Amino acid sequence: MNQLVSTEWLNTNLNKVKVLDASWHLPNVERNALEEYELNHITNSVFFDIDKNSNQNTSLPHMLPSKKEWENIVSNFGVDNSDHIVVYDNSDVFSSCRVWYTFLYFGHNPNFVSVLDGNFKKWVNKKYSTSKEIKKINRSNYIANENAQLVLNKAQINKNIINKKFQLIDARGKQRFLGLQLEPRKELRSGNIKNSKNLPFQELINKDDRTFKNKNELINIFKDKEISIDKEMAFTCGSGVTACILGLANSIISGKKPVIYDGSWAEYGLE
């Protein structure tokens, strides 16, 4: 799998890949990802709206769309099945990992979908090419191939509390996990899923340039949280975005595709 590409690599290969800006912000941050994209973005990149390009027939946030919906979404981006896609973001929650996961879920070649290691700020600091120009897109005919084993529903989560088939790892911050901090979505109670373990996603990221920590560092972080890297695991968070960061980190460690509880606490924590 080709989970990460460096800013240097992308700069060299910018004309050979399709670049998506998947910036997304938590509801309480008061930032507009599309407006920021329109002001400045990586040259030739196209804005990918995580909320808009998701299942619109549920009250839960940015759930996976249907196979047909995804084919339509990706075709509208002019992406072919053979394209190498690089996803980046300009957000605190590394939302590009969610789009990486979605492409894997819908069967894109795992060697041809990558996250930019380090966010837009690192790209700008390197003085690589940026633009305000909105790229013209020629519609493609994308074919998806769903891998339902990469997603879990609430019933499967509840069943696992009893049979303990896999470890469930929660990417939220410690205070939210322990129920000591209110959830950003007001309709949700505080707390966590029984028997789940907490690994705040920020611990996997280098603070200075928002790159992932190296494989050995990641292994040690998982072990410090008493997570067995040899046992099956699935990932949850507030609404299915930051869980994918843990999924990518585990993919670096194990080579496995991530398994995500798509509803996450946005579903499980409903009163």
C-alpha atoms as a PDB file:
ATOM      1  CA  MET A   1       0.000   0.000   0.000  1.00  0.00           C
ATOM      2  CA  ASN A   2       1.075   3.532  -0.731  1.00  0.00           C
ATOM      3  CA  GLN A   3      -0.545   5.275   2.251  1.00  0.00           C
ATOM      4  CA  LEU A   4       1.598   8.424   2.356  1.00  0.00           C
ATOM      5  CA  VAL A   5       3.483  10.590  -0.126  1.00  0.00           C
ATOM      6  CA  SER A   6       5.823  13.415   0.872  1.00  0.00           C
ATOM      7  CA  THR A   7       5.442  17.040  -0.204  1.00  0.00           C
ATOM      8  CA  GLU A   8       8.656  16.584  -2.227  1.00  0.00           C
ATOM      9  CA  TRP A   9       7.210  13.575  -4.046  1.00  0.00           C
ATOM     10  CA  LEU A  10       3.955  15.362  -4.844  1.00  0.00           C
ATOM     11  CA  ASN A  11       5.800  18.437  -6.094  1.00  0.00           C
ATOM     12  CA  THR A  12       7.774  16.233  -8.510  1.00  0.00           C
ATOM     13  CA  ASN A  13       4.704  14.259  -9.640  1.00  0.00           C
ATOM     14  CA  LEU A  14       2.048  16.998  -9.549  1.00  0.00           C
ATOM     15  CA  ASN A  15       1.094  16.575 -13.211  1.00  0.00           C
ATOM     16  CA  LYS A  16       0.887  12.776 -12.991  1.00  0.00           C
ATOM     17  CA  VAL A  17      -1.710  12.489 -10.207  1.00  0.00           C
ATOM     18  CA  LYS A  18      -5.217  13.714  -9.326  1.00  0.00           C
ATOM     19  CA  VAL A  19      -5.118  15.918  -6.221  1.00  0.00           C
ATOM     20  CA  LEU A  20      -8.104  16.379  -3.899  1.00  0.00           C
ATOM     21  CA  ASP A  21      -8.368  19.033  -1.171  1.00  0.00           C
ATOM     22  CA  ALA A  22     -10.422  17.294   1.541  1.00  0.00           C
ATOM     23  CA  SER A  23     -10.222  20.031   4.177  1.00  0.00           C
ATOM     24  CA  TRP A  24     -13.003  19.753   6.767  1.00  0.00           C
ATOM     25  CA  HIS A  25     -13.491  21.447  10.119  1.00  0.00           C
ATOM     26  CA  LEU A  26     -15.375  20.482  13.267  1.00  0.00           C
ATOM     27  CA  PRO A  27     -18.732  22.289  13.566  1.00  0.00           C
ATOM     28  CA  ASN A  28     -17.508  24.415  16.512  1.00  0.00           C
ATOM     29  CA  VAL A  29     -14.334  25.767  14.817  1.00  0.00           C
ATOM     30  CA  GLU A  30     -15.990  28.440  12.616  1.00  0.00           C
ATOM     31  CA  ARG A  31     -13.805  27.909   9.560  1.00  0.00           C
ATOM     32  CA  ASN A  32     -15.104  27.482   6.005  1.00  0.00           C
ATOM     33  CA  ALA A  33     -13.048  24.911   4.100  1.00  0.00           C
ATOM     34  CA  LEU A  34     -14.437  25.805   0.655  1.00  0.00           C
ATOM     35  CA  GLU A  35     -13.767  29.526   1.119  1.00  0.00           C
ATOM     36  CA  GLU A  36     -10.198  28.752   2.193  1.00  0.00           C
ATOM     37  CA  TYR A  37      -9.748  26.511  -0.868  1.00  0.00           C
ATOM     38  CA  GLU A  38     -11.002  29.270  -3.166  1.00  0.00           C
ATOM     39  CA  LEU A  39      -8.428  31.675  -1.716  1.00  0.00           C
ATOM     40  CA  ASN A  40      -5.473  29.311  -2.176  1.00  0.00           C
ATOM     41  CA  HIS A  41      -4.847  25.615  -2.833  1.00  0.00           C
ATOM     42  CA  ILE A  42      -2.310  23.205  -4.300  1.00  0.00           C
ATOM     43  CA  THR A  43      -2.154  23.829  -8.045  1.00  0.00           C
ATOM     44  CA  ASN A  44      -4.526  21.566 -10.032  1.00  0.00           C
ATOM     45  CA  SER A  45      -6.273  20.323  -6.878  1.00  0.00           C
ATOM     46  CA  VAL A  46     -10.074  19.985  -6.704  1.00  0.00           C
ATOM     47  CA  PHE A  47     -12.132  20.602  -3.572  1.00  0.00           C
ATOM     48  CA  PHE A  48     -13.736  17.489  -2.062  1.00  0.00           C
ATOM     49  CA  ASP A  49     -16.582  18.312   0.337  1.00  0.00           C
ATOM     50  CA  ILE A  50     -16.788  15.468   2.888  1.00  0.00           C
ATOM     51  CA  ASP A  51     -20.306  16.452   4.005  1.00  0.00           C
ATOM     52  CA  LYS A  52     -21.741  16.948   0.517  1.00  0.00           C
ATOM     53  CA  ASN A  53     -20.103  13.824  -0.946  1.00  0.00           C
ATOM     54  CA  SER A  54     -21.645  11.475   1.612  1.00  0.00           C
ATOM     55  CA  ASN A  55     -24.951   9.728   2.278  1.00  0.00           C
ATOM     56  CA  GLN A  56     -27.601  12.467   2.169  1.00  0.00           C
ATOM     57  CA  ASN A  57     -30.392  10.123   3.334  1.00  0.00           C
ATOM     58  CA  THR A  58     -29.371   9.917   6.984  1.00  0.00           C
ATOM     59  CA  SER A  59     -29.261  12.379   9.872  1.00  0.00           C
ATOM     60  CA  LEU A  60     -25.792  11.066  10.822  1.00  0.00           C
ATOM     61  CA  PRO A  61     -22.855  13.169   9.560  1.00  0.00           C
ATOM     62  CA  HIS A  62     -20.808  12.204   6.454  1.00  0.00           C
ATOM     63  CA  MET A  63     -21.721   8.514   6.361  1.00  0.00           C
ATOM     64  CA  LEU A  64     -20.517   6.416   3.418  1.00  0.00           C
ATOM     65  CA  PRO A  65     -22.619   6.951   0.280  1.00  0.00           C
ATOM     66  CA  SER A  66     -24.031   4.078  -1.787  1.00  0.00           C
ATOM     67  CA  LYS A  67     -21.905   2.448  -4.497  1.00  0.00           C
ATOM     68  CA  LYS A  68     -23.893   4.207  -7.229  1.00  0.00           C
ATOM     69  CA  GLU A  69     -23.620   7.591  -5.478  1.00  0.00           C
ATOM     70  CA  TRP A  70     -19.850   7.150  -5.075  1.00  0.00           C
ATOM     71  CA  GLU A  71     -19.413   6.260  -8.753  1.00  0.00           C
ATOM     72  CA  ASN A  72     -21.271   9.445  -9.667  1.00  0.00           C
ATOM     73  CA  ILE A  73     -19.292  11.585  -7.184  1.00  0.00           C
ATOM     74  CA  VAL A  74     -15.894  10.326  -8.349  1.00  0.00           C
ATOM     75  CA  SER A  75     -16.860  10.497 -12.038  1.00  0.00           C
ATOM     76  CA  ASN A  76     -17.788  14.162 -11.496  1.00  0.00           C
ATOM     77  CA  PHE A  77     -14.234  14.716 -10.257  1.00  0.00           C
ATOM     78  CA  GLY A  78     -12.879  13.296 -13.518  1.00  0.00           C
ATOM     79  CA  VAL A  79     -11.086  10.482 -11.676  1.00  0.00           C
ATOM     80  CA  ASP A  80     -10.472   7.179 -13.464  1.00  0.00           C
ATOM     81  CA  ASN A  81      -9.932   3.792 -11.796  1.00  0.00           C
ATOM     82  CA  SER A  82      -6.305   3.842 -12.977  1.00  0.00           C
ATOM     83  CA  ASP A  83      -5.519   7.309 -11.533  1.00  0.00           C
ATOM     84  CA  HIS A  84      -3.169   7.831  -8.595  1.00  0.00           C
ATOM     85  CA  ILE A  85      -5.108  10.051  -6.195  1.00  0.00           C
ATOM     86  CA  VAL A  86      -3.370  12.193  -3.575  1.00  0.00           C
ATOM     87  CA  VAL A  87      -5.582  13.656  -0.851  1.00  0.00           C
ATOM     88  CA  TYR A  88      -4.493  16.556   1.343  1.00  0.00           C
ATOM     89  CA  ASP A  89      -6.164  18.931   3.786  1.00  0.00           C
ATOM     90  CA  ASN A  90      -5.737  22.206   5.614  1.00  0.00           C
ATOM     91  CA  SER A  91      -7.539  21.123   8.770  1.00  0.00           C
ATOM     92  CA  ASP A  92      -6.701  20.202  12.351  1.00  0.00           C
ATOM     93  CA  VAL A  93      -8.322  16.780  12.093  1.00  0.00           C
ATOM     94  CA  PHE A  94      -6.407  15.330   9.120  1.00  0.00           C
ATOM     95  CA  SER A  95      -9.677  14.821   7.212  1.00  0.00           C
ATOM     96  CA  SER A  96      -7.775  13.632   4.118  1.00  0.00           C
ATOM     97  CA  CYS A  97      -7.521  10.219   5.826  1.00  0.00           C
ATOM     98  CA  ARG A  98     -11.315   9.869   5.654  1.00  0.00           C
ATOM     99  CA  VAL A  99     -11.280  10.292   1.856  1.00  0.00           C
ATOM    100  CA  TRP A 100      -8.338   7.872   1.569  1.00  0.00           C
ATOM    101  CA  TYR A 101     -10.389   5.311   3.503  1.00  0.00           C
ATOM    102  CA  THR A 102     -13.483   5.886   1.354  1.00  0.00           C
ATOM    103  CA  PHE A 103     -11.540   5.207  -1.844  1.00  0.00           C
ATOM    104  CA  LEU A 104     -10.232   1.968  -0.308  1.00  0.00           C
ATOM    105  CA  TYR A 105     -13.745   0.993   0.798  1.00  0.00           C
ATOM    106  CA  PHE A 106     -14.973   1.418  -2.773  1.00  0.00           C
ATOM    107  CA  GLY A 107     -12.168  -0.692  -4.207  1.00  0.00           C
ATOM    108  CA  HIS A 108      -9.615   1.781  -5.558  1.00  0.00           C
ATOM    109  CA  ASN A 109      -6.166   0.215  -5.971  1.00  0.00           C
ATOM    110  CA  PRO A 110      -4.484   0.795  -2.561  1.00  0.00           C
ATOM    111  CA  ASN A 111      -1.205   1.611  -4.324  1.00  0.00           C
ATOM    112  CA  PHE A 112      -2.960   4.448  -6.161  1.00  0.00           C
ATOM    113  CA  VAL A 113      -4.540   6.407  -3.319  1.00  0.00           C
ATOM    114  CA  SER A 114      -2.346   8.312  -0.865  1.00  0.00           C
ATOM    115  CA  VAL A 115      -2.503  10.998   1.786  1.00  0.00           C
ATOM    116  CA  LEU A 116      -0.096  13.928   1.611  1.00  0.00           C
ATOM    117  CA  ASP A 117       2.200  13.554   4.628  1.00  0.00           C
ATOM    118  CA  GLY A 118       2.032  16.971   6.220  1.00  0.00           C
ATOM    119  CA  ASN A 119      -0.815  19.356   5.483  1.00  0.00           C
ATOM    120  CA  PHE A 120      -1.256  22.363   3.174  1.00  0.00           C
ATOM    121  CA  LYS A 121       0.738  24.556   5.552  1.00  0.00           C
ATOM    122  CA  LYS A 122       3.833  22.391   5.026  1.00  0.00           C
ATOM    123  CA  TRP A 123       3.324  22.620   1.250  1.00  0.00           C
ATOM    124  CA  VAL A 124       3.156  26.431   1.465  1.00  0.00           C
ATOM    125  CA  ASN A 125       6.207  26.576   3.755  1.00  0.00           C
ATOM    126  CA  LYS A 126       8.160  24.629   1.116  1.00  0.00           C
ATOM    127  CA  LYS A 127       7.103  27.308  -1.403  1.00  0.00           C
ATOM    128  CA  TYR A 128       5.628  24.726  -3.749  1.00  0.00           C
ATOM    129  CA  SER A 129       3.047  25.690  -6.366  1.00  0.00           C
ATOM    130  CA  THR A 130      -0.319  27.085  -5.200  1.00  0.00           C
ATOM    131  CA  SER A 131      -3.176  28.699  -7.101  1.00  0.00           C
ATOM    132  CA  LYS A 132      -6.609  30.340  -6.863  1.00  0.00           C
ATOM    133  CA  GLU A 133      -7.598  28.864 -10.201  1.00  0.00           C
ATOM    134  CA  ILE A 134     -10.443  26.346 -10.227  1.00  0.00           C
ATOM    135  CA  LYS A 135      -9.495  23.418 -12.432  1.00  0.00           C
ATOM    136  CA  LYS A 136     -11.823  22.456 -15.287  1.00  0.00           C
ATOM    137  CA  ILE A 137     -12.940  18.826 -15.037  1.00  0.00           C
ATOM    138  CA  ASN A 138     -13.792  16.348 -17.750  1.00  0.00           C
ATOM    139  CA  ARG A 139     -16.261  13.824 -16.362  1.00  0.00           C
ATOM    140  CA  SER A 140     -14.999  10.222 -16.213  1.00  0.00           C
ATOM    141  CA  ASN A 141     -16.803   6.890 -15.851  1.00  0.00           C
ATOM    142  CA  TYR A 142     -15.606   5.548 -12.504  1.00  0.00           C
ATOM    143  CA  ILE A 143     -16.496   1.977 -11.461  1.00  0.00           C
ATOM    144  CA  ALA A 144     -16.592   1.165  -7.726  1.00  0.00           C
ATOM    145  CA  ASN A 145     -16.271  -2.221  -6.053  1.00  0.00           C
ATOM    146  CA  GLU A 146     -17.565  -2.112  -2.479  1.00  0.00           C
ATOM    147  CA  ASN A 147     -15.677  -3.942   0.301  1.00  0.00           C
ATOM    148  CA  ALA A 148     -18.328  -4.207   3.029  1.00  0.00           C
ATOM    149  CA  GLN A 149     -15.830  -5.860   5.423  1.00  0.00           C
ATOM    150  CA  LEU A 150     -14.189  -2.462   5.975  1.00  0.00           C
ATOM    151  CA  VAL A 151     -17.216  -0.933   7.709  1.00  0.00           C
ATOM    152  CA  LEU A 152     -19.096  -1.794  10.917  1.00  0.00           C
ATOM    153  CA  ASN A 153     -22.577  -0.894  12.127  1.00  0.00           C
ATOM    154  CA  LYS A 154     -23.938  -0.414  15.646  1.00  0.00           C
ATOM    155  CA  ALA A 155     -25.225  -3.994  15.925  1.00  0.00           C
ATOM    156  CA  GLN A 156     -21.756  -5.374  15.134  1.00  0.00           C
ATOM    157  CA  ILE A 157     -20.209  -3.043  17.721  1.00  0.00           C
ATOM    158  CA  ASN A 158     -22.660  -4.236  20.381  1.00  0.00           C
ATOM    159  CA  LYS A 159     -22.067  -7.882  19.457  1.00  0.00           C
ATOM    160  CA  ASN A 160     -18.315  -7.367  19.842  1.00  0.00           C
ATOM    161  CA  ILE A 161     -18.749  -6.073  23.414  1.00  0.00           C
ATOM    162  CA  ILE A 162     -19.809  -9.647  24.250  1.00  0.00           C
ATOM    163  CA  ASN A 163     -17.660 -11.802  21.940  1.00  0.00           C
ATOM    164  CA  LYS A 164     -14.529  -9.553  21.882  1.00  0.00           C
ATOM    165  CA  LYS A 165     -13.527 -10.554  18.331  1.00  0.00           C
ATOM    166  CA  PHE A 166     -11.617  -7.298  17.751  1.00  0.00           C
ATOM    167  CA  GLN A 167     -10.203  -4.351  19.680  1.00  0.00           C
ATOM    168  CA  LEU A 168     -12.187  -1.131  19.268  1.00  0.00           C
ATOM    169  CA  ILE A 169      -9.973   1.958  19.344  1.00  0.00           C
ATOM    170  CA  ASP A 170     -11.417   5.462  19.833  1.00  0.00           C
ATOM    171  CA  ALA A 171      -9.554   8.420  18.256  1.00  0.00           C
ATOM    172  CA  ARG A 172     -11.195  11.183  20.310  1.00  0.00           C
ATOM    173  CA  GLY A 173      -9.295  13.209  22.887  1.00  0.00           C
ATOM    174  CA  LYS A 174      -8.944  11.707  26.358  1.00  0.00           C
ATOM    175  CA  GLN A 175     -11.342  14.159  28.053  1.00  0.00           C
ATOM    176  CA  ARG A 176     -14.118  13.402  25.560  1.00  0.00           C
ATOM    177  CA  PHE A 177     -13.459   9.659  25.782  1.00  0.00           C
ATOM    178  CA  LEU A 178     -13.714   9.747  29.584  1.00  0.00           C
ATOM    179  CA  GLY A 179     -16.902  11.823  29.400  1.00  0.00           C
ATOM    180  CA  LEU A 180     -15.272  14.781  31.162  1.00  0.00           C
ATOM    181  CA  GLN A 181     -15.766  17.124  28.191  1.00  0.00           C
ATOM    182  CA  LEU A 182     -19.015  17.858  26.364  1.00  0.00           C
ATOM    183  CA  GLU A 183     -19.367  16.611  22.807  1.00  0.00           C
ATOM    184  CA  PRO A 184     -19.297  19.273  20.036  1.00  0.00           C
ATOM    185  CA  ARG A 185     -22.642  17.897  18.828  1.00  0.00           C
ATOM    186  CA  LYS A 186     -25.165  18.977  21.471  1.00  0.00           C
ATOM    187  CA  GLU A 187     -27.536  16.013  21.012  1.00  0.00           C
ATOM    188  CA  LEU A 188     -24.917  13.514  22.176  1.00  0.00           C
ATOM    189  CA  ARG A 189     -24.257  12.210  25.673  1.00  0.00           C
ATOM    190  CA  SER A 190     -20.671  12.035  26.929  1.00  0.00           C
ATOM    191  CA  GLY A 191     -18.653   8.868  27.381  1.00  0.00           C
ATOM    192  CA  ASN A 192     -17.408   5.920  25.334  1.00  0.00           C
ATOM    193  CA  ILE A 193     -18.313   2.494  23.981  1.00  0.00           C
ATOM    194  CA  LYS A 194     -17.892  -0.277  26.566  1.00  0.00           C
ATOM    195  CA  ASN A 195     -14.482  -2.059  26.374  1.00  0.00           C
ATOM    196  CA  SER A 196     -13.108   0.390  23.785  1.00  0.00           C
ATOM    197  CA  LYS A 197      -9.600   1.792  24.171  1.00  0.00           C
ATOM    198  CA  ASN A 198      -8.540   5.398  23.724  1.00  0.00           C
ATOM    199  CA  LEU A 199      -5.790   6.550  21.354  1.00  0.00           C
ATOM    200  CA  PRO A 200      -6.177  10.292  20.643  1.00  0.00           C
ATOM    201  CA  PHE A 201      -5.251  10.762  16.981  1.00  0.00           C
ATOM    202  CA  GLN A 202      -3.051  13.800  17.712  1.00  0.00           C
ATOM    203  CA  GLU A 203      -0.515  11.488  19.372  1.00  0.00           C
ATOM    204  CA  LEU A 204       0.236   9.903  15.967  1.00  0.00           C
ATOM    205  CA  ILE A 205       1.097  13.215  14.290  1.00  0.00           C
ATOM    206  CA  ASN A 206       4.258  15.326  14.570  1.00  0.00           C
ATOM    207  CA  LYS A 207       3.202  18.739  15.878  1.00  0.00           C
ATOM    208  CA  ASP A 208       5.709  20.802  13.903  1.00  0.00           C
ATOM    209  CA  ASP A 209       4.740  19.801  10.344  1.00  0.00           C
ATOM    210  CA  ARG A 210       1.670  17.530  10.753  1.00  0.00           C
ATOM    211  CA  THR A 211       3.439  14.498   9.300  1.00  0.00           C
ATOM    212  CA  PHE A 212       2.832  10.993  10.635  1.00  0.00           C
ATOM    213  CA  LYS A 213       5.288   9.565  13.126  1.00  0.00           C
ATOM    214  CA  ASN A 214       7.442   6.758  11.746  1.00  0.00           C
ATOM    215  CA  LYS A 215       6.470   3.093  11.881  1.00  0.00           C
ATOM    216  CA  ASN A 216       8.478   2.218  15.012  1.00  0.00           C
ATOM    217  CA  GLU A 217       7.117   5.243  16.871  1.00  0.00           C
ATOM    218  CA  LEU A 218       3.576   4.258  15.876  1.00  0.00           C
ATOM    219  CA  ILE A 219       4.096   0.675  17.078  1.00  0.00           C
ATOM    220  CA  ASN A 220       5.310   1.954  20.447  1.00  0.00           C
ATOM    221  CA  ILE A 221       2.338   4.330  20.791  1.00  0.00           C
ATOM    222  CA  PHE A 222      -0.121   1.484  20.118  1.00  0.00           C
ATOM    223  CA  LYS A 223       1.689  -0.734  22.629  1.00  0.00           C
ATOM    224  CA  ASP A 224       1.730   2.037  25.257  1.00  0.00           C
ATOM    225  CA  LYS A 225      -2.080   2.155  24.987  1.00  0.00           C
ATOM    226  CA  GLU A 226      -2.177  -1.636  25.566  1.00  0.00           C
ATOM    227  CA  ILE A 227      -3.357  -2.246  22.008  1.00  0.00           C
ATOM    228  CA  SER A 228      -2.156  -5.555  20.586  1.00  0.00           C
ATOM    229  CA  ILE A 229      -0.859  -4.911  17.063  1.00  0.00           C
ATOM    230  CA  ASP A 230      -1.216  -8.643  16.306  1.00  0.00           C
ATOM    231  CA  LYS A 231      -4.939  -8.730  17.098  1.00  0.00           C
ATOM    232  CA  GLU A 232      -7.746  -7.500  14.832  1.00  0.00           C
ATOM    233  CA  MET A 233      -8.832  -3.924  15.449  1.00  0.00           C
ATOM    234  CA  ALA A 234     -11.481  -1.466  14.331  1.00  0.00           C
ATOM    235  CA  PHE A 235     -11.639   2.288  14.785  1.00  0.00           C
ATOM    236  CA  THR A 236     -14.206   4.792  16.011  1.00  0.00           C
ATOM    237  CA  CYS A 237     -14.257   8.506  16.893  1.00  0.00           C
ATOM    238  CA  GLY A 238     -16.783  11.358  16.993  1.00  0.00           C
ATOM    239  CA  SER A 239     -18.216  10.976  13.498  1.00  0.00           C
ATOM    240  CA  GLY A 240     -15.996   8.645  11.469  1.00  0.00           C
ATOM    241  CA  VAL A 241     -13.314  11.135  10.341  1.00  0.00           C
ATOM    242  CA  THR A 242     -10.443  10.899  12.832  1.00  0.00           C
ATOM    243  CA  ALA A 243     -10.992   7.128  13.197  1.00  0.00           C
ATOM    244  CA  CYS A 244      -9.466   6.938   9.697  1.00  0.00           C
ATOM    245  CA  ILE A 245      -6.228   8.512  10.982  1.00  0.00           C
ATOM    246  CA  LEU A 246      -5.847   5.575  13.375  1.00  0.00           C
ATOM    247  CA  GLY A 247      -6.762   3.300  10.481  1.00  0.00           C
ATOM    248  CA  LEU A 248      -4.002   4.763   8.334  1.00  0.00           C
ATOM    249  CA  ALA A 249      -1.481   4.486  11.168  1.00  0.00           C
ATOM    250  CA  ASN A 250      -2.371   0.821  11.662  1.00  0.00           C
ATOM    251  CA  SER A 251      -2.091   0.322   7.910  1.00  0.00           C
ATOM    252  CA  ILE A 252       1.485   1.682   8.072  1.00  0.00           C
ATOM    253  CA  ILE A 253       2.202  -0.799  10.878  1.00  0.00           C
ATOM    254  CA  SER A 254       0.410  -3.877   9.532  1.00  0.00           C
ATOM    255  CA  GLY A 255      -0.333  -3.290   5.839  1.00  0.00           C
ATOM    256  CA  LYS A 256      -4.028  -3.945   6.581  1.00  0.00           C
ATOM    257  CA  LYS A 257      -6.894  -1.839   5.288  1.00  0.00           C
ATOM    258  CA  PRO A 258      -8.763  -0.011   8.059  1.00  0.00           C
ATOM    259  CA  VAL A 259     -12.080  -1.187   9.516  1.00  0.00           C
ATOM    260  CA  ILE A 260     -14.227   1.765  10.642  1.00  0.00           C
ATOM    261  CA  TYR A 261     -17.387   2.047  12.735  1.00  0.00           C
ATOM    262  CA  ASP A 262     -19.002   4.548  10.384  1.00  0.00           C
ATOM    263  CA  GLY A 263     -21.664   5.874  12.762  1.00  0.00           C
ATOM    264  CA  SER A 264     -19.095   6.311  15.562  1.00  0.00           C
ATOM    265  CA  TRP A 265     -20.120   8.344  18.623  1.00  0.00           C
ATOM    266  CA  ALA A 266     -22.455  10.505  16.492  1.00  0.00           C
ATOM    267  CA  GLU A 267     -24.675   7.403  16.363  1.00  0.00           C
ATOM    268  CA  TYR A 268     -23.689   5.525  19.528  1.00  0.00           C
ATOM    269  CA  GLY A 269     -23.891   8.567  21.793  1.00  0.00           C
ATOM    270  CA  LEU A 270     -27.421   9.612  20.828  1.00  0.00           C
ATOM    271  CA  GLU A 271     -29.627  10.005  23.908  1.00  0.00           C
END
